[in-house]
Amino acid sequence: MSEQSESIRIIKDSVTLLELKKIAEERFGDMAKAVVDIERAVMAIGGEMHADEEQILLEAGSKQEDLWGVNLYPDASGENFVEFDSMINIRPRQGNRSRGVENEKIRTAVLEIIKKLVK
């Protein structure tokens, strides 16, 4: 396992806001990248790139079409806490042509999972 993959965690139960803030400070200062699996209701955090977290989830049994990348800002609140912006979200074959998440149903599912996992 590379150093990069060792720093990526798959969150199945929960992660505290304090833990998330520490992860953010270690990587980008005020932001942590995360990839959410909307089918399995888990997320990977701690990677330098969404693609690294995506790969860890794929190796753990996730399907690519269920994975969506976001940025989490632990010091922010409300809708500023989650930013839908990731290269892995660009998938014309699934009708998503931007780095955001255009499907409201998918965006809502991502937000609900994050709300459940971040305490």
N, C-alpha and C. Protein backbone atom coordinates (compact mmCIF):
# COMPACT_ATOMS: atom_id res chain seq x y z
N MET A 1 0.84 -1.18 0.00
CA MET A 1 0.00 0.00 0.00
C MET A 1 0.89 1.24 0.00
N SER A 2 0.60 2.18 -0.86
CA SER A 2 1.41 3.39 -0.93
C SER A 2 1.11 4.32 0.25
N GLU A 3 1.99 5.28 0.46
CA GLU A 3 1.76 6.27 1.52
C GLU A 3 0.44 7.00 1.28
N GLN A 4 0.15 7.29 0.02
CA GLN A 4 -1.08 7.99 -0.32
C GLN A 4 -2.31 7.18 0.10
N SER A 5 -2.34 5.91 -0.22
CA SER A 5 -3.52 5.12 0.11
C SER A 5 -3.63 4.87 1.61
N GLU A 6 -2.51 4.88 2.32
CA GLU A 6 -2.56 4.71 3.77
C GLU A 6 -3.23 5.90 4.44
N SER A 7 -3.15 7.09 3.85
CA SER A 7 -3.75 8.27 4.45
C SER A 7 -5.24 8.39 4.11
N ILE A 8 -5.72 7.60 3.17
CA ILE A 8 -7.13 7.64 2.79
C ILE A 8 -7.90 6.68 3.68
N ARG A 9 -8.98 7.19 4.24
CA ARG A 9 -9.84 6.38 5.11
C ARG A 9 -11.21 6.22 4.48
N ILE A 10 -11.76 5.03 4.59
CA ILE A 10 -13.14 4.81 4.18
C ILE A 10 -13.99 4.94 5.44
N ILE A 11 -14.91 5.89 5.40
CA ILE A 11 -15.78 6.15 6.54
C ILE A 11 -17.09 5.39 6.34
N LYS A 12 -17.32 4.41 7.21
CA LYS A 12 -18.54 3.61 7.12
C LYS A 12 -19.54 4.01 8.20
N ASP A 13 -19.04 4.40 9.37
CA ASP A 13 -19.91 4.77 10.48
C ASP A 13 -19.96 6.28 10.64
N SER A 14 -18.84 6.86 11.08
CA SER A 14 -18.81 8.31 11.21
C SER A 14 -17.38 8.81 11.38
N VAL A 15 -17.24 10.10 11.16
CA VAL A 15 -15.99 10.82 11.39
C VAL A 15 -16.41 12.11 12.10
N THR A 16 -15.66 12.50 13.12
CA THR A 16 -16.02 13.73 13.82
C THR A 16 -15.59 14.94 13.01
N LEU A 17 -16.23 16.04 13.28
CA LEU A 17 -15.86 17.29 12.63
C LEU A 17 -14.42 17.65 12.98
N LEU A 18 -13.99 17.35 14.19
CA LEU A 18 -12.61 17.62 14.61
C LEU A 18 -11.62 16.78 13.80
N GLU A 19 -11.93 15.49 13.58
CA GLU A 19 -11.07 14.63 12.76
C GLU A 19 -11.01 15.16 11.32
N LEU A 20 -12.16 15.57 10.81
CA LEU A 20 -12.23 16.10 9.45
C LEU A 20 -11.39 17.37 9.34
N LYS A 21 -11.46 18.21 10.36
CA LYS A 21 -10.67 19.44 10.36
C LYS A 21 -9.17 19.12 10.36
N LYS A 22 -8.75 18.11 11.11
CA LYS A 22 -7.35 17.70 11.15
C LYS A 22 -6.89 17.21 9.77
N ILE A 23 -7.73 16.40 9.12
CA ILE A 23 -7.42 15.89 7.78
C ILE A 23 -7.29 17.07 6.80
N ALA A 24 -8.20 18.02 6.90
CA ALA A 24 -8.16 19.20 6.03
C ALA A 24 -6.86 19.97 6.24
N GLU A 25 -6.49 20.19 7.50
CA GLU A 25 -5.28 20.95 7.81
C GLU A 25 -4.03 20.26 7.29
N GLU A 26 -4.00 18.92 7.34
CA GLU A 26 -2.84 18.16 6.87
C GLU A 26 -2.65 18.26 5.36
N ARG A 27 -3.74 18.38 4.61
CA ARG A 27 -3.67 18.37 3.14
C ARG A 27 -3.73 19.75 2.52
N PHE A 28 -4.84 20.45 2.75
CA PHE A 28 -5.11 21.68 2.01
C PHE A 28 -5.35 22.89 2.89
N GLY A 29 -5.29 22.73 4.19
CA GLY A 29 -5.52 23.84 5.10
C GLY A 29 -6.94 23.90 5.60
N ASP A 30 -7.86 24.30 4.72
CA ASP A 30 -9.25 24.47 5.16
C ASP A 30 -10.23 23.52 4.48
N MET A 31 -9.73 22.59 3.69
CA MET A 31 -10.61 21.74 2.89
C MET A 31 -10.10 20.31 2.83
N ALA A 32 -11.05 19.37 2.84
CA ALA A 32 -10.71 17.95 2.65
C ALA A 32 -11.49 17.44 1.45
N LYS A 33 -10.81 16.68 0.61
CA LYS A 33 -11.49 16.05 -0.52
C LYS A 33 -12.17 14.78 -0.02
N ALA A 34 -13.30 14.47 -0.61
CA ALA A 34 -14.03 13.26 -0.24
C ALA A 34 -14.71 12.70 -1.49
N VAL A 35 -14.87 11.38 -1.51
CA VAL A 35 -15.65 10.72 -2.55
C VAL A 35 -16.72 9.91 -1.84
N VAL A 36 -17.97 10.15 -2.24
CA VAL A 36 -19.12 9.51 -1.61
C VAL A 36 -19.68 8.43 -2.52
N ASP A 37 -19.93 7.26 -1.94
CA ASP A 37 -20.59 6.16 -2.65
C ASP A 37 -22.06 6.22 -2.25
N ILE A 38 -22.92 6.63 -3.19
CA ILE A 38 -24.33 6.81 -2.86
C ILE A 38 -25.08 5.49 -2.74
N GLU A 39 -24.54 4.41 -3.22
CA GLU A 39 -25.18 3.10 -3.10
C GLU A 39 -24.84 2.45 -1.76
N ARG A 40 -23.58 2.51 -1.37
CA ARG A 40 -23.12 1.86 -0.13
C ARG A 40 -23.17 2.79 1.07
N ALA A 41 -23.44 4.08 0.85
CA ALA A 41 -23.53 5.09 1.91
C ALA A 41 -22.25 5.17 2.74
N VAL A 42 -21.11 5.19 2.03
CA VAL A 42 -19.80 5.37 2.65
C VAL A 42 -19.07 6.48 1.90
N MET A 43 -17.98 6.96 2.50
CA MET A 43 -17.16 7.93 1.78
C MET A 43 -15.70 7.72 2.12
N ALA A 44 -14.86 8.11 1.19
CA ALA A 44 -13.41 8.06 1.40
C ALA A 44 -12.93 9.49 1.58
N ILE A 45 -12.04 9.69 2.55
CA ILE A 45 -11.48 11.01 2.79
C ILE A 45 -9.98 10.91 3.01
N GLY A 46 -9.30 12.03 2.87
CA GLY A 46 -7.88 12.08 3.18
C GLY A 46 -6.94 12.03 2.00
N GLY A 47 -7.47 11.95 0.80
CA GLY A 47 -6.61 11.86 -0.38
C GLY A 47 -6.20 13.22 -0.90
N GLU A 48 -5.15 13.20 -1.69
CA GLU A 48 -4.70 14.43 -2.34
C GLU A 48 -5.56 14.73 -3.56
N MET A 49 -6.08 13.67 -4.18
CA MET A 49 -6.94 13.83 -5.35
C MET A 49 -8.17 12.95 -5.19
N HIS A 50 -9.30 13.41 -5.73
CA HIS A 50 -10.52 12.61 -5.69
C HIS A 50 -10.30 11.25 -6.36
N ALA A 51 -9.49 11.23 -7.40
CA ALA A 51 -9.24 9.98 -8.13
C ALA A 51 -8.58 8.93 -7.24
N ASP A 52 -7.73 9.37 -6.29
CA ASP A 52 -7.10 8.43 -5.36
C ASP A 52 -8.14 7.80 -4.44
N GLU A 53 -9.04 8.63 -3.94
CA GLU A 53 -10.11 8.13 -3.06
C GLU A 53 -11.06 7.23 -3.84
N GLU A 54 -11.35 7.63 -5.06
CA GLU A 54 -12.21 6.83 -5.93
C GLU A 54 -11.61 5.43 -6.12
N GLN A 55 -10.31 5.36 -6.35
CA GLN A 55 -9.64 4.08 -6.56
C GLN A 55 -9.73 3.19 -5.33
N ILE A 56 -9.55 3.77 -4.15
CA ILE A 56 -9.65 3.00 -2.90
C ILE A 56 -11.06 2.42 -2.75
N LEU A 57 -12.08 3.22 -3.06
CA LEU A 57 -13.45 2.73 -2.97
C LEU A 57 -13.74 1.65 -4.01
N LEU A 58 -13.21 1.82 -5.22
CA LEU A 58 -13.39 0.79 -6.25
C LEU A 58 -12.77 -0.53 -5.81
N GLU A 59 -11.59 -0.45 -5.22
CA GLU A 59 -10.91 -1.66 -4.72
C GLU A 59 -11.69 -2.30 -3.57
N ALA A 60 -12.50 -1.50 -2.88
CA ALA A 60 -13.29 -2.00 -1.76
C ALA A 60 -14.68 -2.47 -2.19
N GLY A 61 -14.94 -2.46 -3.51
CA GLY A 61 -16.20 -3.01 -4.01
C GLY A 61 -17.22 -2.01 -4.52
N SER A 62 -16.89 -0.73 -4.52
CA SER A 62 -17.83 0.27 -5.04
C SER A 62 -17.88 0.21 -6.55
N LYS A 63 -18.97 0.75 -7.12
CA LYS A 63 -19.10 0.86 -8.57
C LYS A 63 -18.87 2.31 -8.96
N GLN A 64 -18.16 2.54 -10.03
CA GLN A 64 -17.78 3.89 -10.44
C GLN A 64 -18.99 4.80 -10.60
N GLU A 65 -20.09 4.29 -11.14
CA GLU A 65 -21.25 5.15 -11.38
C GLU A 65 -21.91 5.64 -10.09
N ASP A 66 -21.54 5.04 -8.94
CA ASP A 66 -22.10 5.45 -7.65
C ASP A 66 -21.20 6.44 -6.90
N LEU A 67 -20.04 6.77 -7.46
CA LEU A 67 -19.05 7.58 -6.76
C LEU A 67 -19.06 9.03 -7.23
N TRP A 68 -19.13 9.95 -6.27
CA TRP A 68 -19.20 11.38 -6.57
C TRP A 68 -18.23 12.14 -5.68
N GLY A 69 -17.44 13.02 -6.29
CA GLY A 69 -16.42 13.77 -5.57
C GLY A 69 -16.92 15.11 -5.07
N VAL A 70 -16.52 15.44 -3.84
CA VAL A 70 -16.86 16.72 -3.22
C VAL A 70 -15.67 17.24 -2.44
N ASN A 71 -15.74 18.50 -2.07
CA ASN A 71 -14.78 19.09 -1.16
C ASN A 71 -15.55 19.48 0.10
N LEU A 72 -14.98 19.17 1.26
CA LEU A 72 -15.62 19.47 2.54
C LEU A 72 -14.82 20.56 3.25
N TYR A 73 -15.53 21.55 3.76
CA TYR A 73 -14.92 22.68 4.47
C TYR A 73 -15.38 22.64 5.92
N PRO A 74 -14.60 22.00 6.81
CA PRO A 74 -15.02 21.80 8.20
C PRO A 74 -15.31 23.08 8.98
N ASP A 75 -14.72 24.21 8.59
CA ASP A 75 -14.98 25.46 9.30
C ASP A 75 -16.21 26.20 8.78
N ALA A 76 -16.78 25.71 7.72
CA ALA A 76 -17.96 26.35 7.13
C ALA A 76 -19.22 25.66 7.63
N SER A 77 -20.36 26.29 7.38
CA SER A 77 -21.62 25.67 7.79
C SER A 77 -22.64 25.81 6.66
N GLY A 78 -23.74 25.12 6.83
CA GLY A 78 -24.81 25.18 5.83
C GLY A 78 -24.33 24.69 4.48
N GLU A 79 -24.78 25.35 3.44
CA GLU A 79 -24.44 24.91 2.09
C GLU A 79 -22.99 25.19 1.72
N ASN A 80 -22.27 25.96 2.53
CA ASN A 80 -20.85 26.21 2.28
C ASN A 80 -19.96 25.07 2.77
N PHE A 81 -20.53 24.13 3.53
CA PHE A 81 -19.77 23.00 4.07
C PHE A 81 -19.34 22.04 2.95
N VAL A 82 -20.20 21.84 1.95
CA VAL A 82 -19.94 20.90 0.86
C VAL A 82 -19.87 21.66 -0.46
N GLU A 83 -18.81 21.38 -1.22
CA GLU A 83 -18.66 21.96 -2.56
C GLU A 83 -18.63 20.80 -3.56
N PHE A 84 -19.55 20.83 -4.51
CA PHE A 84 -19.59 19.82 -5.56
C PHE A 84 -18.66 20.27 -6.68
N ASP A 85 -17.42 19.78 -6.65
CA ASP A 85 -16.44 20.19 -7.65
C ASP A 85 -15.35 19.13 -7.75
N SER A 86 -15.44 18.27 -8.75
CA SER A 86 -14.44 17.22 -8.91
C SER A 86 -14.40 16.75 -10.36
N MET A 87 -13.18 16.50 -10.82
CA MET A 87 -13.01 15.97 -12.18
C MET A 87 -13.68 14.60 -12.33
N ILE A 88 -13.75 13.81 -11.26
CA ILE A 88 -14.35 12.47 -11.39
C ILE A 88 -15.85 12.55 -11.66
N ASN A 89 -16.45 13.72 -11.44
CA ASN A 89 -17.90 13.87 -11.66
C ASN A 89 -18.24 14.07 -13.14
N ILE A 90 -17.26 14.36 -13.96
CA ILE A 90 -17.54 14.57 -15.39
C ILE A 90 -17.80 13.22 -16.04
N ARG A 91 -19.06 12.94 -16.35
CA ARG A 91 -19.45 11.68 -16.98
C ARG A 91 -20.62 11.90 -17.92
N PRO A 92 -20.33 12.26 -19.13
CA PRO A 92 -21.40 12.48 -20.10
C PRO A 92 -22.32 11.27 -20.25
N ARG A 93 -21.80 10.06 -20.15
CA ARG A 93 -22.65 8.87 -20.33
C ARG A 93 -23.70 8.74 -19.23
N GLN A 94 -23.48 9.42 -18.09
CA GLN A 94 -24.47 9.43 -17.01
C GLN A 94 -25.23 10.76 -16.98
N GLY A 95 -25.03 11.57 -18.02
CA GLY A 95 -25.73 12.84 -18.11
C GLY A 95 -25.13 13.94 -17.25
N ASN A 96 -23.92 13.75 -16.75
CA ASN A 96 -23.27 14.78 -15.94
C ASN A 96 -22.07 15.32 -16.72
N ARG A 97 -22.22 16.52 -17.22
CA ARG A 97 -21.19 17.10 -18.09
C ARG A 97 -20.32 18.14 -17.39
N SER A 98 -20.46 18.27 -16.08
CA SER A 98 -19.67 19.27 -15.36
C SER A 98 -18.95 18.62 -14.18
N ARG A 99 -18.12 19.42 -13.52
CA ARG A 99 -17.42 18.94 -12.33
C ARG A 99 -18.33 18.94 -11.11
N GLY A 100 -19.50 19.52 -11.25
CA GLY A 100 -20.50 19.49 -10.19
C GLY A 100 -21.33 18.23 -10.30
N VAL A 101 -22.45 18.20 -9.58
CA VAL A 101 -23.39 17.08 -9.69
C VAL A 101 -24.71 17.70 -10.14
N GLU A 102 -25.07 17.46 -11.39
CA GLU A 102 -26.22 18.13 -11.98
C GLU A 102 -27.56 17.51 -11.59
N ASN A 103 -27.58 16.23 -11.26
CA ASN A 103 -28.81 15.54 -10.90
C ASN A 103 -29.16 15.83 -9.44
N GLU A 104 -30.29 16.48 -9.25
CA GLU A 104 -30.72 16.89 -7.90
C GLU A 104 -30.87 15.70 -6.95
N LYS A 105 -31.37 14.58 -7.47
CA LYS A 105 -31.55 13.37 -6.66
C LYS A 105 -30.19 12.85 -6.14
N ILE A 106 -29.20 12.83 -7.01
CA ILE A 106 -27.85 12.38 -6.62
C ILE A 106 -27.24 13.37 -5.65
N ARG A 107 -27.38 14.66 -5.93
CA ARG A 107 -26.82 15.68 -5.04
C ARG A 107 -27.43 15.55 -3.63
N THR A 108 -28.74 15.35 -3.56
CA THR A 108 -29.41 15.18 -2.28
C THR A 108 -28.90 13.93 -1.56
N ALA A 109 -28.73 12.84 -2.30
CA ALA A 109 -28.22 11.59 -1.69
C ALA A 109 -26.82 11.81 -1.12
N VAL A 110 -25.96 12.50 -1.87
CA VAL A 110 -24.60 12.79 -1.39
C VAL A 110 -24.66 13.59 -0.10
N LEU A 111 -25.47 14.64 -0.07
CA LEU A 111 -25.59 15.49 1.11
C LEU A 111 -26.12 14.72 2.32
N GLU A 112 -27.10 13.85 2.11
CA GLU A 112 -27.66 13.06 3.21
C GLU A 112 -26.61 12.11 3.80
N ILE A 113 -25.81 11.50 2.94
CA ILE A 113 -24.77 10.58 3.42
C ILE A 113 -23.71 11.34 4.20
N ILE A 114 -23.30 12.49 3.69
CA ILE A 114 -22.31 13.30 4.41
C ILE A 114 -22.86 13.72 5.77
N LYS A 115 -24.12 14.14 5.81
CA LYS A 115 -24.75 14.55 7.07
C LYS A 115 -24.77 13.40 8.07
N LYS A 116 -24.99 12.18 7.57
CA LYS A 116 -25.03 11.01 8.44
C LYS A 116 -23.63 10.63 8.94
N LEU A 117 -22.62 10.80 8.09
CA LEU A 117 -21.27 10.33 8.43
C LEU A 117 -20.42 11.34 9.20
N VAL A 118 -20.69 12.63 9.04
CA VAL A 118 -19.88 13.64 9.73
C VAL A 118 -20.63 14.08 10.98
N LYS A 119 -20.04 13.82 12.13
CA LYS A 119 -20.70 14.14 13.42
C LYS A 119 -20.04 15.31 14.10
